[in-house]
Every structure is written in C-alpha cells, then in structure tokens.
C-alpha cells in the first residue's frame, strides 16, 4: 500500500505488514517482489523494522544475489540494491 498523503512517511515510502503466518524472510521477499512488480525502475530499497536472525539473513542473501540484488544489513533493517534492471 502506498500512503502518498501520510505526512510521517518520506515521499516514495510504502508500508508493508508481516502476515500472521509469514516468516520474516518470506515477508522480505514478498515486499521486494511487490516493489519489483509495481516499481521496476526502483534501484535502492531501504527496509526498516524487519528483523532477521544471522542465520536467516545468511540463508536469504545468496538467493537475492542470484536474482540481481545486493543486500546489506543495517540497524533495524536492510538496504537492498538492484545490480541490473530486470530479474
């Protein structure tokens, strides 16, 4: 969901929610693919408020790299950068 009129969000921000039965790593992938589907030209994605364990992050990172994304862990989230324009 896009909240263009929400004053507390930066322009171009979106809010996504973790589904009740969803693992955090699956949530991250869902968000990335939602962004990919609706905004394929976005190259840099900052994700905040989603915590992954070191094992979850390490398991997820190679698959994202295979799909053309670099992911960097940050405090309280991640930075995801697209290396090329299509998956």
PDB file of N, CA and C in Angstrom:
ATOM      1  N   UNK A   1       0.833  -1.178   0.000  1.00  0.00           N
ATOM      2  CA  UNK A   1       0.000   0.000   0.000  1.00  0.00           C
ATOM      3  C   UNK A   1       0.878   1.243   0.000  1.00  0.00           C
ATOM      4  N   UNK A   2       0.521   2.179  -0.789  1.00  0.00           N
ATOM      5  CA  UNK A   2       1.221   3.458  -0.821  1.00  0.00           C
ATOM      6  C   UNK A   2       0.440   4.458  -0.001  1.00  0.00           C
ATOM      7  N   UNK A   3       1.129   5.249   0.770  1.00  0.00           N
ATOM      8  CA  UNK A   3       0.491   6.245   1.618  1.00  0.00           C
ATOM      9  C   UNK A   3       0.998   7.627   1.217  1.00  0.00           C
ATOM     10  N   UNK A   4       0.626   8.063   0.019  1.00  0.00           N
ATOM     11  CA  UNK A   4       1.122   9.335  -0.513  1.00  0.00           C
ATOM     12  C   UNK A   4       0.712  10.515   0.353  1.00  0.00           C
ATOM     13  N   UNK A   5      -0.422  10.458   1.009  1.00  0.00           N
ATOM     14  CA  UNK A   5      -0.916  11.567   1.814  1.00  0.00           C
ATOM     15  C   UNK A   5      -0.449  11.505   3.265  1.00  0.00           C
ATOM     16  N   UNK A   6       0.265  10.463   3.634  1.00  0.00           N
ATOM     17  CA  UNK A   6       0.719  10.292   5.019  1.00  0.00           C
ATOM     18  C   UNK A   6       1.888  11.233   5.295  1.00  0.00           C
ATOM     19  N   UNK A   7       1.721  12.153   6.217  1.00  0.00           N
ATOM     20  CA  UNK A   7       2.754  13.163   6.451  1.00  0.00           C
ATOM     21  C   UNK A   7       3.987  12.610   7.152  1.00  0.00           C
ATOM     22  N   UNK A   8       3.883  11.469   7.815  1.00  0.00           N
ATOM     23  CA  UNK A   8       5.017  10.938   8.563  1.00  0.00           C
ATOM     24  C   UNK A   8       5.934  10.059   7.713  1.00  0.00           C
ATOM     25  N   UNK A   9       5.568   9.800   6.485  1.00  0.00           N
ATOM     26  CA  UNK A   9       6.387   8.976   5.601  1.00  0.00           C
ATOM     27  C   UNK A   9       7.084   9.851   4.569  1.00  0.00           C
ATOM     28  N   UNK A  10       8.310   9.485   4.258  1.00  0.00           N
ATOM     29  CA  UNK A  10       9.035  10.186   3.202  1.00  0.00           C
ATOM     30  C   UNK A  10       8.361   9.896   1.863  1.00  0.00           C
ATOM     31  N   UNK A  11       8.496  10.839   0.948  1.00  0.00           N
ATOM     32  CA  UNK A  11       7.941  10.647  -0.396  1.00  0.00           C
ATOM     33  C   UNK A  11       8.522   9.364  -0.987  1.00  0.00           C
ATOM     34  N   UNK A  12       7.683   8.561  -1.609  1.00  0.00           N
ATOM     35  CA  UNK A  12       8.127   7.312  -2.203  1.00  0.00           C
ATOM     36  C   UNK A  12       8.173   6.158  -1.217  1.00  0.00           C
ATOM     37  N   UNK A  13       7.687   6.370  -0.004  1.00  0.00           N
ATOM     38  CA  UNK A  13       7.678   5.312   1.001  1.00  0.00           C
ATOM     39  C   UNK A  13       6.423   4.466   0.882  1.00  0.00           C
ATOM     40  N   UNK A  14       6.507   3.283   1.397  1.00  0.00           N
ATOM     41  CA  UNK A  14       5.365   2.381   1.464  1.00  0.00           C
ATOM     42  C   UNK A  14       5.422   1.653   2.795  1.00  0.00           C
ATOM     43  N   UNK A  15       4.271   1.216   3.256  1.00  0.00           N
ATOM     44  CA  UNK A  15       4.191   0.453   4.491  1.00  0.00           C
ATOM     45  C   UNK A  15       3.685  -0.936   4.142  1.00  0.00           C
ATOM     46  N   UNK A  16       4.404  -1.946   4.593  1.00  0.00           N
ATOM     47  CA  UNK A  16       4.022  -3.333   4.401  1.00  0.00           C
ATOM     48  C   UNK A  16       3.948  -3.989   5.771  1.00  0.00           C
ATOM     49  N   UNK A  17       3.098  -4.976   5.894  1.00  0.00           N
ATOM     50  CA  UNK A  17       2.908  -5.647   7.170  1.00  0.00           C
ATOM     51  C   UNK A  17       3.295  -7.110   7.074  1.00  0.00           C
ATOM     52  N   UNK A  18       3.857  -7.628   8.145  1.00  0.00           N
ATOM     53  CA  UNK A  18       4.145  -9.047   8.262  1.00  0.00           C
ATOM     54  C   UNK A  18       2.821  -9.772   8.485  1.00  0.00           C
ATOM     55  N   UNK A  19       2.544 -10.741   7.647  1.00  0.00           N
ATOM     56  CA  UNK A  19       1.318 -11.514   7.804  1.00  0.00           C
ATOM     57  C   UNK A  19       1.483 -12.465   8.994  1.00  0.00           C
ATOM     58  N   UNK A  20       0.377 -12.810   9.633  1.00  0.00           N
ATOM     59  CA  UNK A  20       0.425 -13.636  10.845  1.00  0.00           C
ATOM     60  C   UNK A  20       1.176 -14.944  10.664  1.00  0.00           C
ATOM     61  N   UNK A  21       1.001 -15.609   9.549  1.00  0.00           N
ATOM     62  CA  UNK A  21       1.600 -16.922   9.332  1.00  0.00           C
ATOM     63  C   UNK A  21       2.888 -16.851   8.490  1.00  0.00           C
ATOM     64  N   UNK A  22       3.464 -15.689   8.371  1.00  0.00           N
ATOM     65  CA  UNK A  22       4.593 -15.470   7.471  1.00  0.00           C
ATOM     66  C   UNK A  22       5.910 -15.382   8.251  1.00  0.00           C
ATOM     67  N   UNK A  23       6.916 -16.072   7.762  1.00  0.00           N
ATOM     68  CA  UNK A  23       8.255 -15.956   8.338  1.00  0.00           C
ATOM     69  C   UNK A  23       8.845 -14.613   7.910  1.00  0.00           C
ATOM     70  N   UNK A  24       9.703 -14.005   8.739  1.00  0.00           N
ATOM     71  CA  UNK A  24      10.277 -12.701   8.376  1.00  0.00           C
ATOM     72  C   UNK A  24      10.973 -12.703   7.015  1.00  0.00           C
ATOM     73  N   UNK A  25      11.716 -13.755   6.698  1.00  0.00           N
ATOM     74  CA  UNK A  25      12.410 -13.789   5.412  1.00  0.00           C
ATOM     75  C   UNK A  25      11.424 -13.870   4.248  1.00  0.00           C
ATOM     76  N   UNK A  26      10.307 -14.544   4.445  1.00  0.00           N
ATOM     77  CA  UNK A  26       9.278 -14.582   3.404  1.00  0.00           C
ATOM     78  C   UNK A  26       8.625 -13.210   3.238  1.00  0.00           C
ATOM     79  N   UNK A  27       8.469 -12.505   4.342  1.00  0.00           N
ATOM     80  CA  UNK A  27       7.926 -11.150   4.284  1.00  0.00           C
ATOM     81  C   UNK A  27       8.844 -10.242   3.476  1.00  0.00           C
ATOM     82  N   UNK A  28      10.135 -10.329   3.732  1.00  0.00           N
ATOM     83  CA  UNK A  28      11.101  -9.517   2.987  1.00  0.00           C
ATOM     84  C   UNK A  28      11.008  -9.818   1.498  1.00  0.00           C
ATOM     85  N   UNK A  29      10.958 -11.071   1.128  1.00  0.00           N
ATOM     86  CA  UNK A  29      10.847 -11.432  -0.290  1.00  0.00           C
ATOM     87  C   UNK A  29       9.538 -10.925  -0.888  1.00  0.00           C
ATOM     88  N   UNK A  30       8.440 -11.052  -0.162  1.00  0.00           N
ATOM     89  CA  UNK A  30       7.153 -10.569  -0.661  1.00  0.00           C
ATOM     90  C   UNK A  30       7.212  -9.065  -0.930  1.00  0.00           C
ATOM     91  N   UNK A  31       7.791  -8.327   0.004  1.00  0.00           N
ATOM     92  CA  UNK A  31       7.903  -6.876  -0.165  1.00  0.00           C
ATOM     93  C   UNK A  31       8.754  -6.555  -1.390  1.00  0.00           C
ATOM     94  N   UNK A  32       9.891  -7.208  -1.524  1.00  0.00           N
ATOM     95  CA  UNK A  32      10.758  -6.950  -2.684  1.00  0.00           C
ATOM     96  C   UNK A  32      10.047  -7.265  -3.994  1.00  0.00           C
ATOM     97  N   UNK A  33       9.319  -8.370  -4.056  1.00  0.00           N
ATOM     98  CA  UNK A  33       8.647  -8.725  -5.303  1.00  0.00           C
ATOM     99  C   UNK A  33       7.468  -7.794  -5.561  1.00  0.00           C
ATOM    100  N   UNK A  34       6.791  -7.334  -4.500  1.00  0.00           N
ATOM    101  CA  UNK A  34       5.722  -6.337  -4.688  1.00  0.00           C
ATOM    102  C   UNK A  34       6.295  -5.052  -5.279  1.00  0.00           C
ATOM    103  N   UNK A  35       7.411  -4.611  -4.755  1.00  0.00           N
ATOM    104  CA  UNK A  35       8.057  -3.403  -5.284  1.00  0.00           C
ATOM    105  C   UNK A  35       8.514  -3.643  -6.714  1.00  0.00           C
ATOM    106  N   UNK A  36       9.098  -4.797  -6.978  1.00  0.00           N
ATOM    107  CA  UNK A  36       9.551  -5.142  -8.323  1.00  0.00           C
ATOM    108  C   UNK A  36       8.384  -5.110  -9.308  1.00  0.00           C
ATOM    109  N   UNK A  37       7.239  -5.668  -8.907  1.00  0.00           N
ATOM    110  CA  UNK A  37       6.066  -5.708  -9.790  1.00  0.00           C
ATOM    111  C   UNK A  37       5.520  -4.322 -10.095  1.00  0.00           C
ATOM    112  N   UNK A  38       5.469  -3.453  -9.092  1.00  0.00           N
ATOM    113  CA  UNK A  38       4.814  -2.158  -9.250  1.00  0.00           C
ATOM    114  C   UNK A  38       5.763  -1.013  -9.587  1.00  0.00           C
ATOM    115  N   UNK A  39       7.037  -1.168  -9.253  1.00  0.00           N
ATOM    116  CA  UNK A  39       8.014  -0.092  -9.458  1.00  0.00           C
ATOM    117  C   UNK A  39       9.345  -0.694  -9.916  1.00  0.00           C
ATOM    118  N   UNK A  40       9.382  -1.268 -11.109  1.00  0.00           N
ATOM    119  CA  UNK A  40      10.569  -1.997 -11.557  1.00  0.00           C
ATOM    120  C   UNK A  40      11.815  -1.139 -11.769  1.00  0.00           C
ATOM    121  N   UNK A  41      11.671   0.166 -11.804  1.00  0.00           N
ATOM    122  CA  UNK A  41      12.846   1.019 -12.013  1.00  0.00           C
ATOM    123  C   UNK A  41      13.502   1.460 -10.711  1.00  0.00           C
ATOM    124  N   UNK A  42      12.887   1.120  -9.576  1.00  0.00           N
ATOM    125  CA  UNK A  42      13.486   1.461  -8.282  1.00  0.00           C
ATOM    126  C   UNK A  42      14.760   0.645  -8.118  1.00  0.00           C
ATOM    127  N   UNK A  43      15.850   1.335  -7.835  1.00  0.00           N
ATOM    128  CA  UNK A  43      17.144   0.650  -7.721  1.00  0.00           C
ATOM    129  C   UNK A  43      17.588   0.443  -6.280  1.00  0.00           C
ATOM    130  N   UNK A  44      17.203   1.332  -5.387  1.00  0.00           N
ATOM    131  CA  UNK A  44      17.628   1.254  -3.992  1.00  0.00           C
ATOM    132  C   UNK A  44      16.406   1.198  -3.096  1.00  0.00           C
ATOM    133  N   UNK A  45      16.363   0.197  -2.247  1.00  0.00           N
ATOM    134  CA  UNK A  45      15.226  -0.012  -1.363  1.00  0.00           C
ATOM    135  C   UNK A  45      15.743  -0.071   0.064  1.00  0.00           C
ATOM    136  N   UNK A  46      15.181   0.753   0.921  1.00  0.00           N
ATOM    137  CA  UNK A  46      15.535   0.721   2.341  1.00  0.00           C
ATOM    138  C   UNK A  46      14.371   0.084   3.084  1.00  0.00           C
ATOM    139  N   UNK A  47      14.667  -0.969   3.818  1.00  0.00           N
ATOM    140  CA  UNK A  47      13.645  -1.686   4.571  1.00  0.00           C
ATOM    141  C   UNK A  47      13.954  -1.512   6.042  1.00  0.00           C
ATOM    142  N   UNK A  48      12.991  -1.014   6.791  1.00  0.00           N
ATOM    143  CA  UNK A  48      13.179  -0.795   8.223  1.00  0.00           C
ATOM    144  C   UNK A  48      12.116  -1.552   8.997  1.00  0.00           C
ATOM    145  N   UNK A  49      12.506  -2.015  10.187  1.00  0.00           N
ATOM    146  CA  UNK A  49      11.550  -2.631  11.093  1.00  0.00           C
ATOM    147  C   UNK A  49      11.348  -4.113  10.881  1.00  0.00           C
ATOM    148  N   UNK A  50      12.183  -4.748  10.099  1.00  0.00           N
ATOM    149  CA  UNK A  50      12.086  -6.190   9.876  1.00  0.00           C
ATOM    150  C   UNK A  50      13.379  -6.824  10.379  1.00  0.00           C
ATOM    151  N   UNK A  51      13.271  -7.682  11.354  1.00  0.00           N
ATOM    152  CA  UNK A  51      14.457  -8.313  11.939  1.00  0.00           C
ATOM    153  C   UNK A  51      14.603  -9.736  11.433  1.00  0.00           C
ATOM    154  N   UNK A  52      15.809 -10.066  11.020  1.00  0.00           N
ATOM    155  CA  UNK A  52      16.152 -11.434  10.651  1.00  0.00           C
ATOM    156  C   UNK A  52      17.310 -11.878  11.527  1.00  0.00           C
ATOM    157  N   UNK A  53      17.314 -13.148  11.875  1.00  0.00           N
ATOM    158  CA  UNK A  53      18.470 -13.681  12.586  1.00  0.00           C
ATOM    159  C   UNK A  53      19.644 -13.736  11.617  1.00  0.00           C
ATOM    160  N   UNK A  54      20.839 -13.896  12.153  1.00  0.00           N
ATOM    161  CA  UNK A  54      22.027 -14.014  11.296  1.00  0.00           C
ATOM    162  C   UNK A  54      21.877 -15.194  10.354  1.00  0.00           C
ATOM    163  N   UNK A  55      21.365 -16.299  10.851  1.00  0.00           N
ATOM    164  CA  UNK A  55      21.183 -17.490  10.009  1.00  0.00           C
ATOM    165  C   UNK A  55      20.170 -17.227   8.896  1.00  0.00           C
ATOM    166  N   UNK A  56      19.060 -16.545   9.212  1.00  0.00           N
ATOM    167  CA  UNK A  56      18.057 -16.218   8.198  1.00  0.00           C
ATOM    168  C   UNK A  56      18.641 -15.284   7.140  1.00  0.00           C
ATOM    169  N   UNK A  57      19.374 -14.266   7.590  1.00  0.00           N
ATOM    170  CA  UNK A  57      19.988 -13.317   6.664  1.00  0.00           C
ATOM    171  C   UNK A  57      20.988 -14.030   5.758  1.00  0.00           C
ATOM    172  N   UNK A  58      21.839 -14.868   6.338  1.00  0.00           N
ATOM    173  CA  UNK A  58      22.855 -15.587   5.566  1.00  0.00           C
ATOM    174  C   UNK A  58      22.231 -16.567   4.586  1.00  0.00           C
ATOM    175  N   UNK A  59      21.097 -17.156   4.939  1.00  0.00           N
ATOM    176  CA  UNK A  59      20.415 -18.076   4.034  1.00  0.00           C
ATOM    177  C   UNK A  59      19.733 -17.339   2.885  1.00  0.00           C
ATOM    178  N   UNK A  60      19.241 -16.141   3.148  1.00  0.00           N
ATOM    179  CA  UNK A  60      18.495 -15.369   2.156  1.00  0.00           C
ATOM    180  C   UNK A  60      19.398 -14.630   1.172  1.00  0.00           C
ATOM    181  N   UNK A  61      20.527 -14.158   1.638  1.00  0.00           N
ATOM    182  CA  UNK A  61      21.406 -13.301   0.848  1.00  0.00           C
ATOM    183  C   UNK A  61      21.847 -13.906  -0.491  1.00  0.00           C
ATOM    184  N   UNK A  62      22.327 -15.156  -0.541  1.00  0.00           N
ATOM    185  CA  UNK A  62      22.759 -15.697  -1.842  1.00  0.00           C
ATOM    186  C   UNK A  62      21.641 -15.767  -2.869  1.00  0.00           C
ATOM    187  N   UNK A  63      20.419 -16.100  -2.443  1.00  0.00           N
ATOM    188  CA  UNK A  63      19.298 -16.155  -3.381  1.00  0.00           C
ATOM    189  C   UNK A  63      18.962 -14.792  -3.953  1.00  0.00           C
ATOM    190  N   UNK A  64      19.034 -13.758  -3.112  1.00  0.00           N
ATOM    191  CA  UNK A  64      18.804 -12.405  -3.612  1.00  0.00           C
ATOM    192  C   UNK A  64      19.904 -11.994  -4.577  1.00  0.00           C
ATOM    193  N   UNK A  65      21.131 -12.357  -4.260  1.00  0.00           N
ATOM    194  CA  UNK A  65      22.237 -12.033  -5.165  1.00  0.00           C
ATOM    195  C   UNK A  65      22.053 -12.728  -6.501  1.00  0.00           C
ATOM    196  N   UNK A  66      21.566 -13.965  -6.484  1.00  0.00           N
ATOM    197  CA  UNK A  66      21.294 -14.683  -7.735  1.00  0.00           C
ATOM    198  C   UNK A  66      20.210 -13.994  -8.553  1.00  0.00           C
ATOM    199  N   UNK A  67      19.305 -13.244  -7.877  1.00  0.00           N
ATOM    200  CA  UNK A  67      18.233 -12.528  -8.552  1.00  0.00           C
ATOM    201  C   UNK A  67      18.616 -11.092  -8.927  1.00  0.00           C
ATOM    202  N   UNK A  68      19.879 -10.723  -8.683  1.00  0.00           N
ATOM    203  CA  UNK A  68      20.344  -9.405  -9.095  1.00  0.00           C
ATOM    204  C   UNK A  68      20.301  -8.336  -8.026  1.00  0.00           C
ATOM    205  N   UNK A  69      20.153  -8.738  -6.758  1.00  0.00           N
ATOM    206  CA  UNK A  69      20.091  -7.782  -5.660  1.00  0.00           C
ATOM    207  C   UNK A  69      21.264  -7.972  -4.713  1.00  0.00           C
ATOM    208  N   UNK A  70      21.804  -6.878  -4.231  1.00  0.00           N
ATOM    209  CA  UNK A  70      22.741  -6.903  -3.115  1.00  0.00           C
ATOM    210  C   UNK A  70      21.961  -6.479  -1.886  1.00  0.00           C
ATOM    211  N   UNK A  71      22.210  -7.118  -0.758  1.00  0.00           N
ATOM    212  CA  UNK A  71      21.505  -6.778   0.471  1.00  0.00           C
ATOM    213  C   UNK A  71      22.533  -6.540   1.564  1.00  0.00           C
ATOM    214  N   UNK A  72      22.353  -5.446   2.273  1.00  0.00           N
ATOM    215  CA  UNK A  72      23.251  -5.059   3.354  1.00  0.00           C
ATOM    216  C   UNK A  72      22.434  -4.893   4.617  1.00  0.00           C
ATOM    217  N   UNK A  73      22.842  -5.563   5.665  1.00  0.00           N
ATOM    218  CA  UNK A  73      22.140  -5.439   6.941  1.00  0.00           C
ATOM    219  C   UNK A  73      22.477  -4.104   7.574  1.00  0.00           C
ATOM    220  N   UNK A  74      21.469  -3.439   8.097  1.00  0.00           N
ATOM    221  CA  UNK A  74      21.606  -2.139   8.766  1.00  0.00           C
ATOM    222  C   UNK A  74      20.886  -2.229  10.111  1.00  0.00           C
ATOM    223  N   UNK A  75      21.136  -1.289  11.012  1.00  0.00           N
ATOM    224  CA  UNK A  75      20.355  -1.292  12.250  1.00  0.00           C
ATOM    225  C   UNK A  75      18.862  -1.186  11.933  1.00  0.00           C
ATOM    226  N   UNK A  76      18.092  -2.078  12.459  1.00  0.00           N
ATOM    227  CA  UNK A  76      16.630  -2.103  12.307  1.00  0.00           C
ATOM    228  C   UNK A  76      16.172  -2.343  10.877  1.00  0.00           C
ATOM    229  N   UNK A  77      17.008  -2.951  10.030  1.00  0.00           N
ATOM    230  CA  UNK A  77      16.545  -3.229   8.678  1.00  0.00           C
ATOM    231  C   UNK A  77      17.642  -3.565   7.705  1.00  0.00           C
ATOM    232  N   UNK A  78      17.389  -3.217   6.447  1.00  0.00           N
ATOM    233  CA  UNK A  78      18.265  -3.601   5.349  1.00  0.00           C
ATOM    234  C   UNK A  78      18.266  -2.535   4.268  1.00  0.00           C
ATOM    235  N   UNK A  79      19.318  -2.536   3.481  1.00  0.00           N
ATOM    236  CA  UNK A  79      19.372  -1.781   2.235  1.00  0.00           C
ATOM    237  C   UNK A  79      19.498  -2.823   1.130  1.00  0.00           C
ATOM    238  N   UNK A  80      18.629  -2.731   0.145  1.00  0.00           N
ATOM    239  CA  UNK A  80      18.665  -3.648  -0.984  1.00  0.00           C
ATOM    240  C   UNK A  80      18.931  -2.814  -2.230  1.00  0.00           C
ATOM    241  N   UNK A  81      19.937  -3.205  -2.995  1.00  0.00           N
ATOM    242  CA  UNK A  81      20.298  -2.500  -4.228  1.00  0.00           C
ATOM    243  C   UNK A  81      20.182  -3.459  -5.401  1.00  0.00           C
ATOM    244  N   UNK A  82      19.538  -2.969  -6.447  1.00  0.00           N
ATOM    245  CA  UNK A  82      19.426  -3.769  -7.672  1.00  0.00           C
ATOM    246  C   UNK A  82      20.697  -3.578  -8.501  1.00  0.00           C
ATOM    247  N   UNK A  83      21.312  -4.666  -8.904  1.00  0.00           N
ATOM    248  CA  UNK A  83      22.524  -4.586  -9.729  1.00  0.00           C
ATOM    249  C   UNK A  83      22.204  -4.399 -11.203  1.00  0.00           C
ATOM    250  N   UNK A  84      21.057  -4.855 -11.642  1.00  0.00           N
ATOM    251  CA  UNK A  84      20.649  -4.660 -13.040  1.00  0.00           C
ATOM    252  C   UNK A  84      19.154  -4.431 -13.080  1.00  0.00           C
ATOM    253  N   UNK A  85      18.646  -4.042 -14.233  1.00  0.00           N
ATOM    254  CA  UNK A  85      17.270  -3.528 -14.311  1.00  0.00           C
ATOM    255  C   UNK A  85      16.182  -4.589 -14.324  1.00  0.00           C
ATOM    256  N   UNK A  86      16.489  -5.844 -14.555  1.00  0.00           N
ATOM    257  CA  UNK A  86      15.428  -6.845 -14.571  1.00  0.00           C
ATOM    258  C   UNK A  86      15.906  -8.111 -13.882  1.00  0.00           C
ATOM    259  N   UNK A  87      14.936  -8.856 -13.372  1.00  0.00           N
ATOM    260  CA  UNK A  87      15.273 -10.101 -12.657  1.00  0.00           C
ATOM    261  C   UNK A  87      15.372 -11.263 -13.612  1.00  0.00           C
TER     262      UNK A  87
END
